[in-house]
Protein backbone atom coordinates (compact mmCIF):
# COMPACT_ATOMS: atom_id res chain seq x y z
CA UNK A 1 23.21 -31.14 7.70
CA UNK A 2 22.45 -34.91 8.52
CA UNK A 3 21.73 -34.12 12.45
CA UNK A 4 18.12 -33.57 13.37
CA UNK A 5 18.75 -33.63 17.37
CA UNK A 6 16.74 -30.23 17.09
CA UNK A 7 13.76 -32.07 15.76
CA UNK A 8 12.35 -35.97 16.33
CA UNK A 9 13.80 -38.01 13.82
CA UNK A 10 10.01 -38.29 11.65
CA UNK A 11 10.27 -34.81 11.42
CA UNK A 12 7.30 -33.85 13.30
CA UNK A 13 6.53 -31.03 16.31
CA UNK A 14 4.45 -30.37 18.95
CA UNK A 15 2.68 -33.86 19.83
CA UNK A 16 1.06 -36.86 18.09
CA UNK A 17 2.16 -37.89 14.32
CA UNK A 18 -0.99 -37.54 13.54
CA UNK A 19 -1.31 -33.25 14.75
CA UNK A 20 -2.32 -31.01 11.91
CA UNK A 21 1.15 -28.92 12.92
CA UNK A 22 3.36 -31.61 12.60
CA UNK A 23 6.27 -29.86 10.77
CA UNK A 24 8.66 -31.66 8.05
CA UNK A 25 12.06 -31.02 9.48
CA UNK A 26 14.93 -28.93 6.78
CA UNK A 27 16.64 -31.42 6.66
CA UNK A 28 14.13 -34.31 5.67
CA UNK A 29 13.07 -31.86 2.67
CA UNK A 30 16.45 -31.60 1.38
CA UNK A 31 16.72 -35.44 1.57
CA UNK A 32 13.76 -36.01 -0.34
CA UNK A 33 15.05 -34.12 -3.41
CA UNK A 34 17.63 -36.66 -3.69
CA UNK A 35 15.50 -39.16 -4.32
CA UNK A 36 15.95 -40.62 -8.24
CA UNK A 37 12.36 -40.18 -8.58
CA UNK A 38 11.27 -37.10 -7.36
CA UNK A 39 14.46 -34.90 -8.03
CA UNK A 40 14.66 -32.01 -10.65
CA UNK A 41 17.41 -31.01 -12.24
CA UNK A 42 19.47 -28.13 -11.36
CA UNK A 43 20.17 -25.36 -14.36
CA UNK A 44 19.22 -21.93 -13.29
CA UNK A 45 21.30 -19.34 -12.17
CA UNK A 46 20.77 -15.97 -10.59
CA UNK A 47 20.50 -14.06 -14.01
CA UNK A 48 17.63 -17.10 -14.60
CA UNK A 49 15.99 -15.86 -11.84
CA UNK A 50 16.21 -12.50 -12.06
CA UNK A 51 15.18 -12.99 -15.71
CA UNK A 52 12.12 -14.88 -14.05
CA UNK A 53 10.94 -12.10 -11.71
CA UNK A 54 11.03 -9.46 -13.98
CA UNK A 55 9.67 -11.88 -16.53
CA UNK A 56 6.18 -12.30 -14.27
CA UNK A 57 6.21 -8.91 -12.81
CA UNK A 58 6.36 -6.46 -15.95
CA UNK A 59 3.20 -6.88 -17.74
CA UNK A 60 0.05 -5.28 -19.04
CA UNK A 61 -0.31 -3.70 -15.48
CA UNK A 62 3.11 -1.35 -16.48
CA UNK A 63 0.67 0.03 -19.27
CA UNK A 64 -2.48 -0.09 -18.16
CA UNK A 65 -2.81 -0.01 -14.30
CA UNK A 66 -0.15 3.15 -13.85
CA UNK A 67 -2.63 5.16 -15.79
CA UNK A 68 -5.72 3.84 -14.35
CA UNK A 69 -4.64 4.57 -10.80
CA UNK A 70 -3.28 8.21 -11.54
CA UNK A 71 -7.16 9.05 -12.43
CA UNK A 72 -8.80 7.95 -10.30
CA UNK A 73 -6.79 7.61 -6.85
CA UNK A 74 -3.27 9.14 -6.32
CA UNK A 75 -3.12 11.81 -9.54
CA UNK A 76 0.45 12.05 -9.95
CA UNK A 77 1.56 11.01 -6.62
CA UNK A 78 1.00 7.24 -8.29
CA UNK A 79 5.06 6.98 -8.31
CA UNK A 80 4.99 7.59 -4.20
CA UNK A 81 2.08 4.80 -4.64
CA UNK A 82 4.75 2.26 -6.38
CA UNK A 83 7.02 3.28 -3.88
CA UNK A 84 5.01 2.16 -0.84
CA UNK A 85 3.66 -1.42 -2.48
CA UNK A 86 7.34 -2.07 -3.55
CA UNK A 87 8.59 -1.19 0.09
CA UNK A 88 5.92 -3.87 0.97
CA UNK A 89 6.69 -6.38 -1.38
CA UNK A 90 10.92 -5.55 -0.48
CA UNK A 91 9.97 -6.72 3.19
CA UNK A 92 7.95 -10.22 2.22
CA UNK A 93 11.10 -10.49 -0.30
CA UNK A 94 14.15 -10.37 2.23
CA UNK A 95 11.54 -13.00 4.62
CA UNK A 96 11.22 -15.07 1.35
CA UNK A 97 15.00 -15.11 0.17
CA UNK A 98 16.02 -16.06 3.59
CA UNK A 99 13.99 -18.96 3.35
CA UNK A 100 14.90 -19.92 0.04
CA UNK A 101 18.89 -19.63 1.27
CA UNK A 102 18.08 -21.86 4.26
CA UNK A 103 15.28 -24.40 3.00
CA UNK A 104 16.30 -24.79 -0.97
CA UNK A 105 13.08 -26.68 -1.89
CA UNK A 106 10.83 -26.53 -4.87
CA UNK A 107 7.43 -24.76 -3.33
CA UNK A 108 7.79 -21.92 -2.21
CA UNK A 109 5.53 -20.58 0.66
CA UNK A 110 3.94 -23.97 0.98
CA UNK A 111 7.80 -25.67 1.67
CA UNK A 112 8.90 -22.52 4.15
CA UNK A 113 5.36 -23.05 6.15
CA UNK A 114 5.79 -27.14 6.23
CA UNK A 115 9.08 -26.23 7.87
CA UNK A 116 8.35 -23.66 10.37
CA UNK A 117 4.82 -23.65 11.15
CA UNK A 118 2.55 -26.93 10.75
CA UNK A 119 1.37 -29.22 8.00
CA UNK A 120 -1.95 -27.43 7.97
CA UNK A 121 -1.05 -24.34 7.80
CA UNK A 122 1.46 -25.56 4.93
CA UNK A 123 -1.83 -27.42 3.14
CA UNK A 124 -3.38 -24.06 3.52
CA UNK A 125 -1.00 -22.10 1.46
CA UNK A 126 -0.32 -24.73 -1.08
CA UNK A 127 -3.86 -25.34 -1.95
CA UNK A 128 -4.41 -21.49 -1.68
CA UNK A 129 -1.47 -20.79 -4.21
CA UNK A 130 -2.54 -23.64 -6.89
CA UNK A 131 -5.77 -21.51 -7.28
CA UNK A 132 -4.14 -17.74 -7.50
CA UNK A 133 -1.34 -19.10 -9.92
CA UNK A 134 -4.11 -21.11 -11.98
CA UNK A 135 -6.38 -18.23 -12.27
CA UNK A 136 -3.67 -15.90 -12.72
CA UNK A 137 -1.94 -17.66 -15.44
CA UNK A 138 -5.94 -18.38 -17.22
CA UNK A 139 -6.22 -14.58 -16.98
CA UNK A 140 -3.06 -13.62 -18.42
CA UNK A 141 -3.93 -15.88 -21.42
CA UNK A 142 -7.26 -14.47 -22.33
CA UNK A 143 -5.60 -10.83 -21.68
CA UNK A 144 -2.87 -12.07 -24.44
CA UNK A 145 -5.33 -13.90 -26.82
CA UNK A 146 -6.80 -10.11 -26.98
CA UNK A 147 -4.15 -8.34 -27.62
CA UNK A 148 -2.98 -10.92 -30.40
CA UNK A 149 -6.80 -10.18 -31.79
CA UNK A 150 -6.42 -6.85 -31.95
CA UNK A 151 -2.96 -6.92 -33.91
CA UNK A 152 -4.45 -9.28 -36.34
CA UNK A 153 -7.37 -7.33 -36.72
CA UNK A 154 -4.84 -4.24 -37.36
CA UNK A 155 -3.48 -6.91 -40.36
CA UNK A 156 -6.66 -7.53 -41.96
CA UNK A 157 -7.13 -10.80 -40.36
CA UNK A 158 -9.75 -12.05 -37.84
CA UNK A 159 -10.85 -15.45 -35.85
CA UNK A 160 -14.53 -16.16 -35.97
CA UNK A 161 -16.69 -15.05 -33.04
CA UNK A 162 -17.00 -18.99 -31.83
CA UNK A 163 -13.11 -18.59 -31.24
CA UNK A 164 -12.44 -15.67 -29.83
CA UNK A 165 -14.00 -16.13 -26.42
CA UNK A 166 -16.97 -15.95 -24.58
CA UNK A 167 -19.20 -13.06 -25.54
CA UNK A 168 -22.25 -11.77 -22.73
CA UNK A 169 -24.27 -11.31 -26.36
CA UNK A 170 -22.75 -14.01 -28.49
CA UNK A 171 -23.78 -16.61 -26.04
CA UNK A 172 -20.87 -19.78 -24.96
CA UNK A 173 -17.60 -19.41 -27.30
CA UNK A 174 -13.61 -20.61 -27.42
CA UNK A 175 -11.18 -18.73 -26.77
CA UNK A 176 -8.74 -20.90 -29.28
CA UNK A 177 -5.74 -18.58 -28.91
CA UNK A 178 -5.78 -18.77 -24.76
CA UNK A 179 -6.00 -22.32 -25.00
CA UNK A 180 -3.20 -22.93 -27.24
CA UNK A 181 -0.68 -20.48 -25.75
CA UNK A 182 -0.98 -22.27 -22.17
CA UNK A 183 -0.46 -26.03 -24.30
CA UNK A 184 2.13 -24.38 -26.21
CA UNK A 185 3.63 -23.15 -22.67
CA UNK A 186 3.42 -26.62 -21.17
CA UNK A 187 5.20 -28.44 -23.47
CA UNK A 188 8.46 -25.68 -23.11
CA UNK A 189 8.20 -26.32 -19.37
CA UNK A 190 7.91 -30.20 -19.53
CA UNK A 191 11.32 -30.17 -22.21
CA UNK A 192 13.47 -28.55 -19.65
CA UNK A 193 13.73 -25.96 -17.74
CA UNK A 194 16.89 -24.35 -19.44
CA UNK A 195 15.02 -24.03 -22.23
CA UNK A 196 11.65 -22.60 -20.89
CA UNK A 197 14.49 -19.74 -19.27
CA UNK A 198 16.42 -19.06 -22.59
CA UNK A 199 12.40 -18.53 -24.14
CA UNK A 200 12.01 -16.48 -20.97
CA UNK A 201 15.26 -14.45 -21.25
CA UNK A 202 14.57 -13.62 -25.00
CA UNK A 203 10.75 -12.44 -24.29
CA UNK A 204 12.08 -10.37 -21.25
CA UNK A 205 14.85 -8.48 -23.46
CA UNK A 206 11.99 -7.48 -26.08
CA UNK A 207 9.66 -6.04 -23.40
CA UNK A 208 11.87 -4.64 -21.25
CA UNK A 209 13.24 -2.83 -24.31
CA UNK A 210 9.75 -1.83 -25.37
CA UNK A 211 9.33 0.03 -21.74
CA UNK A 212 12.15 1.43 -22.03
CA UNK A 213 11.98 3.18 -25.36
CA UNK A 214 8.65 4.41 -24.13
CA UNK A 215 10.23 5.67 -21.26
CA UNK A 216 12.82 7.90 -23.46
CA UNK A 217 10.11 8.52 -25.93
CA UNK A 218 7.47 9.80 -23.32
CA UNK A 219 10.31 12.06 -21.94
CA UNK A 220 10.03 14.78 -24.62
CA UNK A 221 6.60 15.23 -24.10
CA UNK A 222 6.28 16.06 -20.53
CA UNK A 223 4.84 18.94 -18.98
CA UNK A 224 5.67 20.63 -15.63
CA UNK A 225 2.02 22.15 -15.31
CA UNK A 226 0.62 18.22 -15.49
CA UNK A 227 2.42 17.23 -12.02
CA UNK A 228 -0.01 20.57 -10.76
CA UNK A 229 -0.81 19.38 -8.07
CA UNK A 230 1.43 16.59 -7.62
CA UNK A 231 -0.77 15.38 -4.29
CA UNK A 232 -4.24 16.79 -5.24
CA UNK A 233 -6.24 17.98 -2.89
CA UNK A 234 -8.49 15.21 -0.96
CA UNK A 235 -11.66 14.08 -1.79
CA UNK A 236 -14.93 12.08 -0.97
CA UNK A 237 -15.04 8.76 -3.49
CA UNK A 238 -17.69 8.55 -6.16
CA UNK A 239 -19.72 5.93 -7.09
CA UNK A 240 -18.88 3.82 -4.23
CA UNK A 241 -19.42 0.25 -3.74
CA UNK A 242 -21.89 -0.99 -1.01
CA UNK A 243 -22.43 -3.86 0.11
CA UNK A 244 -20.02 -7.19 0.07
CA UNK A 245 -18.22 -5.06 -3.13
CA UNK A 246 -17.19 -2.41 -0.86
CA UNK A 247 -13.78 -3.05 0.96
CA UNK A 248 -13.14 -5.04 4.09
CA UNK A 249 -12.11 -2.27 5.83
CA UNK A 250 -15.13 -0.18 4.54
CA UNK A 251 -17.36 -3.05 6.29
CA UNK A 252 -15.56 -3.21 9.46
CA UNK A 253 -14.94 0.06 10.81
CA UNK A 254 -17.60 2.02 8.10
CA UNK A 255 -14.45 3.67 6.78
CA UNK A 256 -15.50 6.01 3.73
CA UNK A 257 -12.75 5.92 1.03
CA UNK A 258 -11.74 8.94 -0.18
CA UNK A 259 -9.78 9.68 -3.12
CA UNK A 260 -6.26 11.97 -3.55
CA UNK A 261 -4.57 13.51 -0.77
CA UNK A 262 -2.43 11.36 1.54
CA UNK A 263 -4.98 8.97 1.94
CA UNK A 264 -5.44 8.18 -1.84
CA UNK A 265 -1.54 7.51 -2.33
CA UNK A 266 -2.49 4.29 0.44
CA UNK A 267 -5.56 3.65 -1.34
CA UNK A 268 -3.96 3.42 -4.53
CA UNK A 269 -0.79 1.23 -2.96
CA UNK A 270 -3.46 -1.34 -2.43
CA UNK A 271 -4.58 -1.42 -6.17
CA UNK A 272 -1.16 -0.94 -7.82
CA UNK A 273 -0.16 -3.80 -5.56
CA UNK A 274 -1.48 -6.21 -8.36
CA UNK A 275 1.14 -5.00 -10.68
CA UNK A 276 4.11 -6.64 -7.84
CA UNK A 277 2.35 -9.73 -8.03
CA UNK A 278 4.79 -12.65 -9.07
CA UNK A 279 8.50 -11.73 -7.78
CA UNK A 280 7.83 -14.61 -5.47
CA UNK A 281 7.97 -16.91 -7.90
CA UNK A 282 11.47 -17.21 -8.28
CA UNK A 283 11.41 -19.08 -4.58
CA UNK A 284 9.73 -22.03 -6.40
CA UNK A 285 12.89 -22.86 -8.26
CA UNK A 286 15.03 -23.05 -5.78
CA UNK A 287 15.39 -26.59 -6.24
CA UNK A 288 16.31 -26.41 -9.63
CA UNK A 289 18.92 -23.48 -8.71
CA UNK A 290 23.02 -24.37 -8.93
CA UNK A 291 23.72 -22.44 -5.96
CA UNK A 292 20.12 -21.39 -4.45
CA UNK A 293 21.89 -20.02 -1.13
CA UNK A 294 23.58 -17.64 -3.26
CA UNK A 295 21.25 -16.90 -6.50
CA UNK A 296 17.76 -16.80 -5.29
CA UNK A 297 17.69 -13.95 -2.77
CA UNK A 298 19.52 -12.21 -5.85
CA UNK A 299 17.18 -13.44 -8.29
CA UNK A 300 14.36 -12.45 -5.72
CA UNK A 301 15.54 -9.40 -4.50
CA UNK A 302 17.17 -8.09 -8.00
CA UNK A 303 14.15 -8.94 -9.80
CA UNK A 304 12.17 -7.18 -7.43
CA UNK A 305 14.57 -3.81 -7.53
CA UNK A 306 14.72 -3.44 -11.26
CA UNK A 307 10.77 -3.97 -11.81
CA UNK A 308 10.13 -1.05 -8.71
CA UNK A 309 12.26 1.39 -10.95
CA UNK A 310 10.64 0.77 -13.47
CA UNK A 311 7.02 0.81 -12.59
CA UNK A 312 7.85 4.67 -11.10
CA UNK A 313 10.07 5.59 -13.67
CA UNK A 314 6.41 4.66 -16.17
CA UNK A 315 4.10 6.60 -13.51
CA UNK A 316 6.09 9.72 -13.63
CA UNK A 317 6.29 9.67 -17.50
CA UNK A 318 2.26 9.00 -18.13
CA UNK A 319 1.41 11.52 -15.77
CA UNK A 320 3.89 14.34 -17.07
CA UNK A 321 2.89 13.22 -20.78
CA UNK A 322 -0.54 13.73 -20.13
CA UNK A 323 -3.10 15.69 -17.14
CA UNK A 324 -4.28 13.10 -14.74
CA UNK A 325 -7.77 13.92 -14.99
CA UNK A 326 -7.61 13.26 -19.14
CA UNK A 327 -6.03 9.98 -18.68
CA UNK A 328 -7.79 7.14 -20.36
CA UNK A 329 -8.73 4.24 -18.15
CA UNK A 330 -8.54 1.70 -20.99
CA UNK A 331 -5.55 2.29 -22.67
CA UNK A 332 -3.70 4.88 -20.76
CA UNK A 333 -0.08 5.22 -21.73
CA UNK A 334 -1.20 4.42 -25.21
CA UNK A 335 -3.33 7.11 -25.33
CA UNK A 336 -1.39 9.42 -23.79
CA UNK A 337 0.96 8.81 -26.67
CA UNK A 338 -1.69 9.61 -29.39
CA UNK A 339 -2.63 12.61 -27.54
CA UNK A 340 0.92 14.24 -28.23
CA UNK A 341 0.28 12.67 -32.04
CA UNK A 342 2.95 9.86 -31.78
CA UNK A 343 0.53 6.97 -32.45
CA UNK A 344 3.81 4.99 -33.38
CA UNK A 345 4.69 4.40 -30.18
CA UNK A 346 0.94 3.39 -28.99
CA UNK A 347 1.68 0.29 -31.30
CA UNK A 348 4.64 -0.30 -30.03
CA UNK A 349 2.97 -0.58 -26.57
CA UNK A 350 0.62 -3.45 -27.49
CA UNK A 351 3.11 -5.00 -29.19
CA UNK A 352 5.59 -5.02 -25.78
CA UNK A 353 1.89 -5.95 -24.19
CA UNK A 354 1.50 -8.77 -25.99
CA UNK A 355 4.79 -10.34 -25.94
CA UNK A 356 5.10 -9.56 -22.41
CA UNK A 357 2.36 -11.59 -21.70
CA UNK A 358 3.42 -14.58 -23.22
CA UNK A 359 6.48 -14.72 -20.22
CA UNK A 360 3.54 -14.17 -17.64
CA UNK A 361 1.99 -16.85 -18.29
CA UNK A 362 4.64 -19.21 -18.66
CA UNK A 363 6.18 -18.19 -14.86
CA UNK A 364 3.18 -18.53 -13.28
CA UNK A 365 2.46 -22.13 -14.90
CA UNK A 366 5.95 -22.43 -13.71
CA UNK A 367 5.02 -21.62 -10.02
CA UNK A 368 1.80 -23.67 -10.00
CA UNK A 369 3.47 -27.24 -11.51
CA UNK A 370 6.10 -26.37 -8.36
CA UNK A 371 3.77 -25.94 -6.28
CA UNK A 372 1.90 -28.60 -6.71
CA UNK A 373 4.61 -31.20 -7.30
CA UNK A 374 6.18 -30.74 -3.61
CA UNK A 375 2.74 -31.06 -2.26
CA UNK A 376 2.86 -34.17 -3.64
CA UNK A 377 6.07 -35.17 -3.25
CA UNK A 378 5.06 -34.85 0.64
CA UNK A 379 2.17 -37.18 0.06
CA UNK A 380 -0.65 -34.69 0.83
CA UNK A 381 -1.92 -34.92 -3.35
CA UNK A 382 -1.23 -38.54 -5.20
CA UNK A 383 2.05 -39.39 -4.72
CA UNK A 384 2.40 -40.33 -9.14
CA UNK A 385 2.41 -36.53 -10.03
CA UNK A 386 5.93 -35.95 -8.14
CA UNK A 387 7.57 -38.26 -10.59
CA UNK A 388 10.17 -36.78 -12.66
CA UNK A 389 10.87 -37.21 -16.41
CA UNK A 390 13.83 -39.76 -16.80
CA UNK A 391 15.01 -37.51 -19.92
CA UNK A 392 13.83 -33.93 -18.69
CA UNK A 393 14.26 -33.77 -15.06
CA UNK A 394 10.92 -32.07 -14.78
CA UNK A 395 7.61 -32.98 -12.69
CA UNK A 396 5.84 -33.84 -16.45
CA UNK A 397 2.71 -35.56 -14.90
CA UNK A 398 1.84 -32.33 -12.75
CA UNK A 399 2.79 -29.73 -15.83
CA UNK A 400 0.54 -31.95 -18.66
CA UNK A 401 -2.54 -32.15 -15.82
CA UNK A 402 -2.42 -28.44 -14.38
CA UNK A 403 -1.83 -27.25 -18.32
CA UNK A 404 -4.74 -29.23 -19.59
CA UNK A 405 -6.86 -27.57 -16.88
CA UNK A 406 -5.30 -23.83 -17.22
CA UNK A 407 -5.65 -24.71 -20.74
CA UNK A 408 -9.34 -25.46 -20.63
CA UNK A 409 -10.37 -22.96 -18.24
CA UNK A 410 -8.73 -20.35 -20.74
CA UNK A 411 -10.46 -21.44 -23.06
CA UNK A 412 -14.14 -21.65 -22.06
CA UNK A 413 -14.16 -19.24 -19.01
CA UNK A 414 -14.48 -15.88 -18.82
CA UNK A 415 -12.99 -14.97 -15.38
CA UNK A 416 -11.41 -11.44 -15.27
CA UNK A 417 -13.69 -10.40 -12.58
CA UNK A 418 -11.80 -13.50 -10.21
CA UNK A 419 -8.85 -11.98 -10.64
CA UNK A 420 -8.32 -10.06 -7.28
CA UNK A 421 -8.45 -13.52 -5.65
CA UNK A 422 -4.94 -13.47 -7.04
CA UNK A 423 -4.07 -10.66 -5.15
CA UNK A 424 -5.40 -11.28 -1.84
CA UNK A 425 -4.22 -14.81 -2.27
CA UNK A 426 -0.78 -13.51 -2.63
CA UNK A 427 -0.75 -11.31 0.47
CA UNK A 428 -1.92 -14.73 2.52
CA UNK A 429 1.21 -15.98 1.53
CA UNK A 430 3.69 -12.96 2.52
CA UNK A 431 1.96 -12.87 6.09
CA UNK A 432 2.77 -16.97 6.64
CA UNK A 433 6.49 -16.93 5.21
CA UNK A 434 6.64 -13.82 7.35
CA UNK A 435 5.29 -15.01 10.37
CA UNK A 436 7.55 -18.49 9.34
CA UNK A 437 10.59 -16.35 9.99
CA UNK A 438 9.93 -15.73 13.46
CA UNK A 439 9.19 -19.25 14.28
CA UNK A 440 11.89 -20.92 12.35
CA UNK A 441 14.84 -18.58 13.96
CA UNK A 442 13.40 -19.67 17.50
CA UNK A 443 12.76 -23.43 16.89
CA UNK A 444 15.58 -23.57 14.44
CA UNK A 445 18.71 -21.31 15.92
CA UNK A 446 21.00 -23.82 14.34
CA UNK A 447 20.03 -23.92 10.59
CA UNK A 448 22.88 -22.54 8.50
CA UNK A 449 21.51 -19.24 6.97
CA UNK A 450 23.49 -17.98 3.70
CA UNK A 451 21.11 -15.15 3.87
CA UNK A 452 19.37 -13.44 6.73
CA UNK A 453 16.75 -11.45 6.87
CA UNK A 454 17.63 -7.87 9.38
CA UNK A 455 16.16 -6.56 12.16
CA UNK A 456 14.30 -9.88 13.15
CA UNK A 457 11.11 -9.90 14.38
CA UNK A 458 10.74 -6.14 13.21
CA UNK A 459 11.09 -6.38 9.70
CA UNK A 460 8.95 -9.76 9.25
CA UNK A 461 6.02 -8.07 12.14
CA UNK A 462 6.06 -5.18 9.34
CA UNK A 463 5.57 -7.47 6.36
CA UNK A 464 2.68 -9.12 7.81
CA UNK A 465 1.02 -5.74 9.25
CA UNK A 466 1.60 -3.99 6.06
CA UNK A 467 0.27 -7.23 4.04
CA UNK A 468 -2.81 -7.49 6.47
CA UNK A 469 -3.69 -3.53 5.67
CA UNK A 470 -3.45 -3.96 1.51
CA UNK A 471 -5.86 -7.07 2.55
CA UNK A 472 -8.14 -5.41 4.28
CA UNK A 473 -8.48 -2.68 1.08
CA UNK A 474 -9.65 -5.31 -1.21
CA UNK A 475 -13.53 -6.06 -1.38
CA UNK A 476 -15.86 -7.99 1.01
CA UNK A 477 -16.55 -10.41 -2.11
CA UNK A 478 -12.75 -11.43 -2.71
CA UNK A 479 -12.77 -12.71 1.15
CA UNK A 480 -16.31 -14.80 0.36
CA UNK A 481 -14.85 -16.36 -2.50
CA UNK A 482 -11.32 -16.45 -0.68
CA UNK A 483 -13.05 -18.21 2.28
CA UNK A 484 -15.43 -20.72 0.19
CA UNK A 485 -11.89 -21.98 -1.75
CA UNK A 486 -10.22 -22.13 1.51
CA UNK A 487 -12.82 -23.97 2.75
CA UNK A 488 -12.89 -26.74 0.43
CA UNK A 489 -9.30 -27.16 0.92
CA UNK A 490 -9.94 -28.52 4.22
CA UNK A 491 -12.61 -30.60 3.51
CA UNK A 492 -9.49 -32.64 0.78
CA UNK A 493 -6.73 -32.41 3.74
CA UNK A 494 -8.87 -34.00 6.67
CA UNK A 495 -9.84 -36.61 3.86
CA UNK A 496 -7.10 -37.72 2.16
CA UNK A 497 -3.78 -35.39 2.76
CA UNK A 498 -3.91 -35.97 6.94
CA UNK A 499 -4.25 -39.57 6.23
CA UNK A 500 -1.23 -39.74 3.25
CA UNK A 501 0.94 -37.39 4.31
CA UNK A 502 4.38 -38.98 4.61
CA UNK A 503 4.87 -37.89 8.23
CA UNK A 504 1.74 -39.98 8.81
CA UNK A 505 2.40 -43.39 10.59
CA UNK A 506 0.50 -44.72 8.51
CA UNK A 507 1.41 -42.50 5.32
CA UNK A 508 3.12 -43.25 2.20
CA UNK A 509 6.97 -43.49 2.47
């Protein structure tokens, strides 16, 4: 593993040392993980990684998104939409699994891009992931706060309006519960990954149990007539948005969106993809895994398989309990139980959602801090943030910084309208990772790969095409916001990252 014959000793490729497409060799990436001040503690198993994957993917989407999309896009065929999205994620997961077993280093798509495509693409992906994971964590924390306030109201207790988040009518406010949740989870991540994994395991067991109870209980209320027709006839979309609010595919090709029918299944797949976001975060913990070559692929693929089965089962139950045209859009699964005179299970669903969001928030914060840590260790961000705690073995400085930032954002900002940025950022990472697999196969065929993506380049090409298709189904305004954030990233890279990179001749070592 110490030989770098296929690559120049500096870990660069493709021209001058200052080139933006210089790559960091796999061997050097692995050596950097052994530096005492920047080495993360290895404590995770395949089970821990699978729990992380299930913990971040199974959230409110399983309780809300299934019914929403069934009513507005696909009818009972929403189950097929989840299968389509699951296939898109599976294609990406196979690419992630090869990279994570070959380059078991923190940073996920950022690190993979650095080893295959080059420094600037890696920076773009890292910058993208920092925003997406931070935004996702803040949004989830605000959602968790809403569930807890609802439970408190039911119990006869309530927080003052000024501490219950921002309000259009009440003016400026502060979401105390969301702020405190992020701070507590930040503390857990600082203390250690193993403790975080144990807490996550307990939370995941609780919420998966709730999901299974809902599936089993709902099965007693299924009516075959509710599945007729399984694929409703296609019809023109009502209230379709124009301008930048319309999907990019409509803006480019003049495509008029439709709902239901076969096309509605694929349109719905672009929406329910939100429910899958997060399985790739398993790869960010590769460096802290005891046997990453074996366990990371198992964690990625295992968690994705479990979540797909649960999503399909829930979608079949909710559309069988109540006619898709009668489903509510705010709490479809809970309201389906109420419509069948079972309010108890509606309460169980609210409890499961509140508990589940705790794990989602923690794992999103975990993924963000590991990407930030990896970029800092490479010199693209200040190196002080890549030092690990001497006792806990965690990147405590970056964790504390990002935890505080996310807590403030969650406490002071209403950002639900930006949630689609999380989706486009994840799909963009999928595209880059798939391309990276093909590139690294050609440039470094000698690397030992304990897991190999099958049918290369077919599977990576299919992954790129599927991810790109879902991306162009997102609103044009999401692309504009994404472009602005990327432009800011370019400025920071050329003003700071490029000159401070450890691959730069004058950069820090």
